[in-house]
Amino acid sequence: MKAIEMIGLVALAALLAMAFAGATSAMAESTVLCKADESPCSSTNSLTHVHETSVGKAKLLTSLGTTECNVLFLGDTSEPTEVGTPLVVTGNFTYSNCELAGSNCTATEQNGPAELEVLREGHETAAVTGKGLVHLVCGKTIDCSYNGTGLKGTAKGPLLSAQVPDNGEVSLSGQETTKEVGGFLCPKTAKLDITTSPLVETSLTTATTHYCVEYARANTGKFLKVNSTTHVCEEEDASRLGKFALTFGRPGLAVGTAVCVRLSSPVGLYNDSACTSDNAGSTGRYEKGTIR
């Protein structure tokens, strides 16, 4: 079975249509999803679950025609994430009502769950990037694999979104993908168009809740110690020689909670948000820790 990494990759970008109100700067300390246009986002309005649907159908355009599918994404935000790092949403895509030139097609996500990153770039705007894999079959002849690198979605918040209802949107248009695997019926290139929108109005703001996390090993964190009374990270070390890190995440995580943290630098022992896939070279984006 071959695969097509386009609809998945774009849908990724599309999925975070959700959250882009109250955007400020790509250099902001934290990026969170919020039910209200407020910054920082209060604990009562903080969103940790994502439900996105395509506006119309996602389209993969080739010289043989256009394949169209409805797209649904369900995911959850990571908890916690180092300050200065994009917000990560981990979840799964579902594709339905797929067709090419009147013929039915099937599209299935592979190698899931998908992992998306969202980073504010300005007021009511953000960049959404990710990685995913979808297997597409149309009839007995279309079974192709397309690789997309550098795909990037543009997100808009409720104040800028043109969608109805006006909950926000993420869009990607005319971005080129290249055939990786497939027979002569698979064109060498394909272009992807997709727009998605969240089911509820979602703004992208800053975090009110921060945690000091102690990693299981030294030379990983940006701080050398934690204040046992205030639970605040102290003595920052830019070279990451400490065991502690300042993170942001959903409210309510207690001191002593074991967590898998998304790192701002690739120095972790794990490749995934569950800290289950080992990285032998210590170049992963995740590390196990404990909230202090």
Protein backbone atom coordinates (compact mmCIF):
# COMPACT_ATOMS: atom_id res chain seq x y z
CA MET A 1 0.00 0.00 0.00
CA LYS A 2 1.34 3.38 -0.93
CA ALA A 3 0.68 6.59 0.89
CA ILE A 4 -0.11 10.21 0.21
CA GLU A 5 1.32 12.66 2.64
CA MET A 6 -0.46 15.69 1.31
CA ILE A 7 -3.98 15.75 2.60
CA GLY A 8 -2.66 14.70 5.98
CA LEU A 9 0.07 17.29 6.07
CA VAL A 10 -2.22 20.02 5.00
CA ALA A 11 -5.04 18.92 7.06
CA LEU A 12 -2.61 19.25 9.86
CA ALA A 13 -2.10 22.81 9.05
CA ALA A 14 -5.75 23.18 8.52
CA LEU A 15 -6.77 21.69 11.71
CA LEU A 16 -5.53 24.41 13.95
CA ALA A 17 -7.74 26.90 12.29
CA MET A 18 -9.06 27.19 15.66
CA ALA A 19 -7.00 29.39 17.63
CA PHE A 20 -5.81 32.59 16.39
CA ALA A 21 -7.19 35.58 18.14
CA GLY A 22 -5.17 37.82 20.40
CA ALA A 23 -1.97 36.89 18.59
CA THR A 24 1.02 39.01 19.36
CA SER A 25 4.56 37.96 18.43
CA ALA A 26 6.21 34.78 17.23
CA MET A 27 8.72 35.39 19.99
CA ALA A 28 6.04 35.33 22.68
CA GLU A 29 6.68 33.06 25.62
CA SER A 30 3.66 30.82 25.20
CA THR A 31 0.90 29.94 22.75
CA VAL A 32 -2.36 28.60 24.18
CA LEU A 33 -5.94 28.03 23.02
CA CYS A 34 -8.65 30.05 24.72
CA LYS A 35 -12.45 30.22 24.61
CA ALA A 36 -12.26 34.00 25.04
CA ASP A 37 -10.24 36.78 23.43
CA GLU A 38 -8.18 37.43 26.55
CA SER A 39 -4.48 37.40 27.22
CA PRO A 40 -3.39 35.73 29.35
CA CYS A 41 -6.12 33.10 29.10
CA SER A 42 -7.86 32.36 32.39
CA SER A 43 -7.95 28.79 33.67
CA THR A 44 -11.72 28.63 33.17
CA ASN A 45 -11.39 29.49 29.47
CA SER A 46 -8.34 27.38 28.65
CA LEU A 47 -8.92 24.84 25.86
CA THR A 48 -7.08 21.52 25.74
CA HIS A 49 -9.20 19.66 23.17
CA VAL A 50 -9.35 20.40 19.43
CA HIS A 51 -12.21 19.57 17.06
CA GLU A 52 -11.70 20.81 13.49
CA THR A 53 -13.66 20.18 10.29
CA SER A 54 -12.83 21.08 6.69
CA VAL A 55 -14.69 23.93 5.04
CA GLY A 56 -16.06 22.11 2.04
CA LYS A 57 -13.52 19.50 0.96
CA ALA A 58 -9.74 19.27 0.96
CA LYS A 59 -8.41 19.07 -2.61
CA LEU A 60 -5.36 17.35 -4.06
CA LEU A 61 -4.88 18.67 -7.58
CA THR A 62 -2.98 16.66 -10.22
CA SER A 63 -2.85 16.39 -14.02
CA LEU A 64 -5.26 13.43 -13.74
CA GLY A 65 -7.88 15.38 -11.85
CA THR A 66 -8.72 16.55 -8.36
CA THR A 67 -9.27 14.24 -5.41
CA GLU A 68 -11.59 15.72 -2.77
CA CYS A 69 -12.30 14.60 0.81
CA ASN A 70 -14.09 15.90 3.88
CA VAL A 71 -11.63 16.10 6.79
CA LEU A 72 -12.17 15.81 10.55
CA PHE A 73 -9.50 16.26 13.22
CA LEU A 74 -9.72 15.44 16.91
CA GLY A 75 -6.76 16.17 19.16
CA ASP A 76 -5.42 17.37 22.50
CA THR A 77 -2.79 19.93 23.42
CA SER A 78 0.46 18.76 24.96
CA GLU A 79 1.05 19.21 28.68
CA PRO A 80 3.34 20.79 29.48
CA THR A 81 5.59 22.48 26.90
CA GLU A 82 8.76 24.48 27.49
CA VAL A 83 8.27 28.24 27.33
CA GLY A 84 9.41 29.54 23.95
CA THR A 85 8.23 26.40 22.14
CA PRO A 86 5.22 26.17 19.78
CA LEU A 87 2.06 24.67 21.21
CA VAL A 88 1.79 21.01 20.18
CA VAL A 89 -1.53 19.33 19.34
CA THR A 90 -1.55 15.54 19.03
CA GLY A 91 -4.51 13.77 17.43
CA ASN A 92 -6.00 11.90 14.50
CA PHE A 93 -7.48 12.76 11.11
CA THR A 94 -10.52 11.07 9.60
CA TYR A 95 -11.33 11.34 5.88
CA SER A 96 -14.75 10.73 4.35
CA ASN A 97 -16.74 11.19 1.13
CA CYS A 98 -13.59 11.04 -0.98
CA GLU A 99 -13.89 11.02 -4.75
CA LEU A 100 -11.93 11.57 -7.97
CA ALA A 101 -13.79 12.39 -11.19
CA GLY A 102 -16.97 10.87 -9.80
CA SER A 103 -15.28 7.69 -8.58
CA ASN A 104 -15.22 6.80 -4.88
CA CYS A 105 -11.87 6.86 -3.06
CA THR A 106 -10.70 5.92 0.42
CA ALA A 107 -8.23 7.83 2.55
CA THR A 108 -6.86 6.52 5.85
CA GLU A 109 -4.39 8.10 8.23
CA GLN A 110 -1.25 6.04 8.82
CA ASN A 111 1.55 6.25 11.37
CA GLY A 112 -0.68 8.30 13.64
CA PRO A 113 -1.23 10.11 15.79
CA ALA A 114 -0.39 13.27 13.91
CA GLU A 115 1.52 16.00 15.69
CA LEU A 116 0.91 19.67 14.90
CA GLU A 117 2.72 22.79 16.02
CA VAL A 118 1.11 26.22 16.25
CA LEU A 119 3.04 29.46 16.75
CA ARG A 120 1.68 32.98 16.81
CA GLU A 121 3.21 35.31 14.21
CA GLY A 122 1.15 38.47 14.66
CA HIS A 123 -2.25 39.81 15.65
CA GLU A 124 -4.95 37.23 14.84
CA THR A 125 -2.49 35.18 12.76
CA ALA A 126 -0.34 32.13 13.34
CA ALA A 127 1.67 29.47 11.54
CA VAL A 128 0.57 25.84 11.74
CA THR A 129 2.99 23.10 10.68
CA GLY A 130 2.97 19.36 11.10
CA LYS A 131 3.57 15.91 9.77
CA GLY A 132 1.19 13.14 8.87
CA LEU A 133 0.65 10.27 6.47
CA VAL A 134 -2.53 9.32 4.59
CA HIS A 135 -3.07 6.33 2.34
CA LEU A 136 -5.25 7.16 -0.69
CA VAL A 137 -6.83 4.64 -3.06
CA CYS A 138 -9.13 5.49 -5.97
CA GLY A 139 -10.47 2.50 -7.88
CA LYS A 140 -7.96 -0.12 -8.99
CA THR A 141 -5.41 2.22 -10.56
CA ILE A 142 -4.70 5.19 -8.28
CA ASP A 143 -2.34 4.28 -5.45
CA CYS A 144 0.31 6.97 -5.08
CA SER A 145 2.65 8.44 -2.51
CA TYR A 146 3.41 12.17 -2.37
CA ASN A 147 5.90 13.80 -0.05
CA GLY A 148 5.36 17.35 1.16
CA THR A 149 8.18 19.25 2.82
CA GLY A 150 7.89 22.72 4.26
CA LEU A 151 4.09 22.81 4.09
CA LYS A 152 2.75 25.65 6.19
CA GLY A 153 -0.79 26.70 6.99
CA THR A 154 -1.90 30.23 7.83
CA ALA A 155 -4.32 30.58 10.71
CA LYS A 156 -6.69 33.46 11.38
CA GLY A 157 -8.67 34.21 14.50
CA PRO A 158 -12.38 35.07 14.74
CA LEU A 159 -11.78 38.76 14.01
CA LEU A 160 -10.07 38.03 10.67
CA SER A 161 -11.69 34.77 9.63
CA ALA A 162 -14.07 34.82 6.65
CA GLN A 163 -15.85 31.63 7.71
CA VAL A 164 -19.43 31.29 8.97
CA PRO A 165 -19.79 30.68 11.85
CA ASP A 166 -16.85 32.93 12.58
CA ASN A 167 -14.81 30.64 14.84
CA GLY A 168 -11.48 31.01 13.03
CA GLU A 169 -9.78 29.23 10.15
CA VAL A 170 -6.57 27.65 8.84
CA SER A 171 -5.85 27.55 5.13
CA LEU A 172 -3.25 26.20 2.75
CA SER A 173 -3.46 26.84 -0.99
CA GLY A 174 -1.51 25.66 -4.03
CA GLN A 175 1.42 24.18 -2.13
CA GLU A 176 3.36 21.69 -4.18
CA THR A 177 4.05 18.09 -3.26
CA THR A 178 6.31 15.57 -4.99
CA LYS A 179 5.66 11.93 -5.85
CA GLU A 180 7.69 9.60 -3.70
CA VAL A 181 6.21 6.23 -4.67
CA GLY A 182 3.75 5.20 -7.37
CA GLY A 183 3.38 3.97 -10.93
CA PHE A 184 3.18 5.90 -14.20
CA LEU A 185 -0.40 6.96 -13.40
CA CYS A 186 0.85 8.97 -10.46
CA PRO A 187 1.82 12.50 -11.56
CA LYS A 188 5.24 13.71 -10.43
CA THR A 189 3.74 16.63 -8.55
CA ALA A 190 0.45 17.51 -6.90
CA LYS A 191 -0.90 20.63 -5.23
CA LEU A 192 -2.92 20.79 -2.07
CA ASP A 193 -5.74 23.16 -1.05
CA ILE A 194 -7.53 22.98 2.29
CA THR A 195 -9.33 25.19 4.80
CA THR A 196 -10.59 24.06 8.19
CA SER A 197 -12.48 25.69 11.02
CA PRO A 198 -13.02 24.79 14.72
CA LEU A 199 -16.47 23.91 16.03
CA VAL A 200 -16.21 26.58 18.74
CA GLU A 201 -14.78 30.09 18.69
CA THR A 202 -11.14 29.77 19.67
CA SER A 203 -8.55 32.44 20.32
CA LEU A 204 -4.81 32.08 20.55
CA THR A 205 -3.46 33.85 23.61
CA THR A 206 -0.84 33.48 26.33
CA ALA A 207 -0.69 31.18 29.34
CA THR A 208 -1.54 32.02 32.94
CA THR A 209 -0.29 28.69 34.28
CA HIS A 210 3.42 27.87 34.38
CA TYR A 211 5.22 24.91 35.94
CA CYS A 212 8.80 24.24 36.96
CA VAL A 213 9.62 20.70 35.80
CA GLU A 214 12.56 18.63 37.01
CA TYR A 215 13.96 16.33 34.34
CA ALA A 216 15.23 12.85 35.15
CA ARG A 217 18.74 13.76 34.04
CA ALA A 218 21.04 16.77 34.15
CA ASN A 219 22.26 18.77 31.13
CA THR A 220 18.72 18.99 29.80
CA GLY A 221 17.02 21.91 31.55
CA LYS A 222 17.52 25.68 31.36
CA PHE A 223 17.43 26.21 35.13
CA LEU A 224 19.71 24.95 37.89
CA LYS A 225 17.22 24.69 40.75
CA VAL A 226 13.63 25.16 41.92
CA ASN A 227 12.38 27.11 44.92
CA SER A 228 10.70 24.50 47.15
CA THR A 229 8.33 27.10 48.61
CA THR A 230 7.21 29.05 45.54
CA HIS A 231 7.81 26.19 43.03
CA VAL A 232 9.51 28.68 40.71
CA CYS A 233 12.52 27.78 38.55
CA GLU A 234 15.66 29.71 39.52
CA GLU A 235 19.18 30.36 38.18
CA GLU A 236 18.67 30.19 34.46
CA ASP A 237 21.44 28.55 32.43
CA ALA A 238 21.29 29.19 28.67
CA SER A 239 23.61 26.26 27.94
CA ARG A 240 21.05 23.81 29.39
CA LEU A 241 23.31 22.39 32.08
CA GLY A 242 20.52 22.19 34.65
CA LYS A 243 17.75 19.72 35.46
CA PHE A 244 14.84 22.18 35.58
CA ALA A 245 12.72 23.91 32.94
CA LEU A 246 10.00 26.56 32.90
CA THR A 247 6.96 25.20 31.08
CA PHE A 248 3.35 26.11 30.36
CA GLY A 249 0.36 23.79 30.18
CA ARG A 250 -3.24 23.25 31.18
CA PRO A 251 -4.18 24.44 34.67
CA GLY A 252 -4.55 21.99 37.54
CA LEU A 253 -1.44 19.83 37.26
CA ALA A 254 -0.27 19.05 40.81
CA VAL A 255 3.25 19.13 42.20
CA GLY A 256 4.70 15.64 41.83
CA THR A 257 2.85 14.90 38.56
CA ALA A 258 4.94 12.95 36.04
CA VAL A 259 4.90 14.62 32.62
CA CYS A 260 6.36 14.31 29.14
CA VAL A 261 7.62 17.75 28.10
CA ARG A 262 8.01 19.16 24.61
CA LEU A 263 11.51 20.72 24.52
CA SER A 264 12.62 23.94 22.87
CA SER A 265 15.85 22.22 21.75
CA PRO A 266 16.37 18.68 20.37
CA VAL A 267 18.20 17.25 23.38
CA GLY A 268 15.62 14.77 24.67
CA LEU A 269 15.59 11.01 25.10
CA TYR A 270 12.19 10.59 23.43
CA ASN A 271 10.62 11.21 20.01
CA ASP A 272 6.93 11.36 20.93
CA SER A 273 4.56 13.26 23.22
CA ALA A 274 3.96 10.14 25.33
CA CYS A 275 7.70 9.59 25.95
CA THR A 276 7.48 6.01 24.71
CA SER A 277 9.68 6.14 21.60
CA ASP A 278 13.35 6.18 22.65
CA ASN A 279 15.90 8.40 20.95
CA ALA A 280 19.28 6.78 21.41
CA GLY A 281 21.20 9.85 20.28
CA SER A 282 19.58 12.23 22.78
CA THR A 283 18.29 14.38 19.92
CA GLY A 284 14.58 13.91 20.56
CA ARG A 285 12.07 16.70 21.20
CA TYR A 286 10.63 15.20 24.43
CA GLU A 287 11.88 14.45 27.93
CA LYS A 288 10.33 12.87 31.02
CA GLY A 289 10.06 15.02 34.12
CA THR A 290 8.19 15.78 37.33
CA ILE A 291 6.39 18.99 38.25
CA ARG A 292 8.10 20.59 41.25
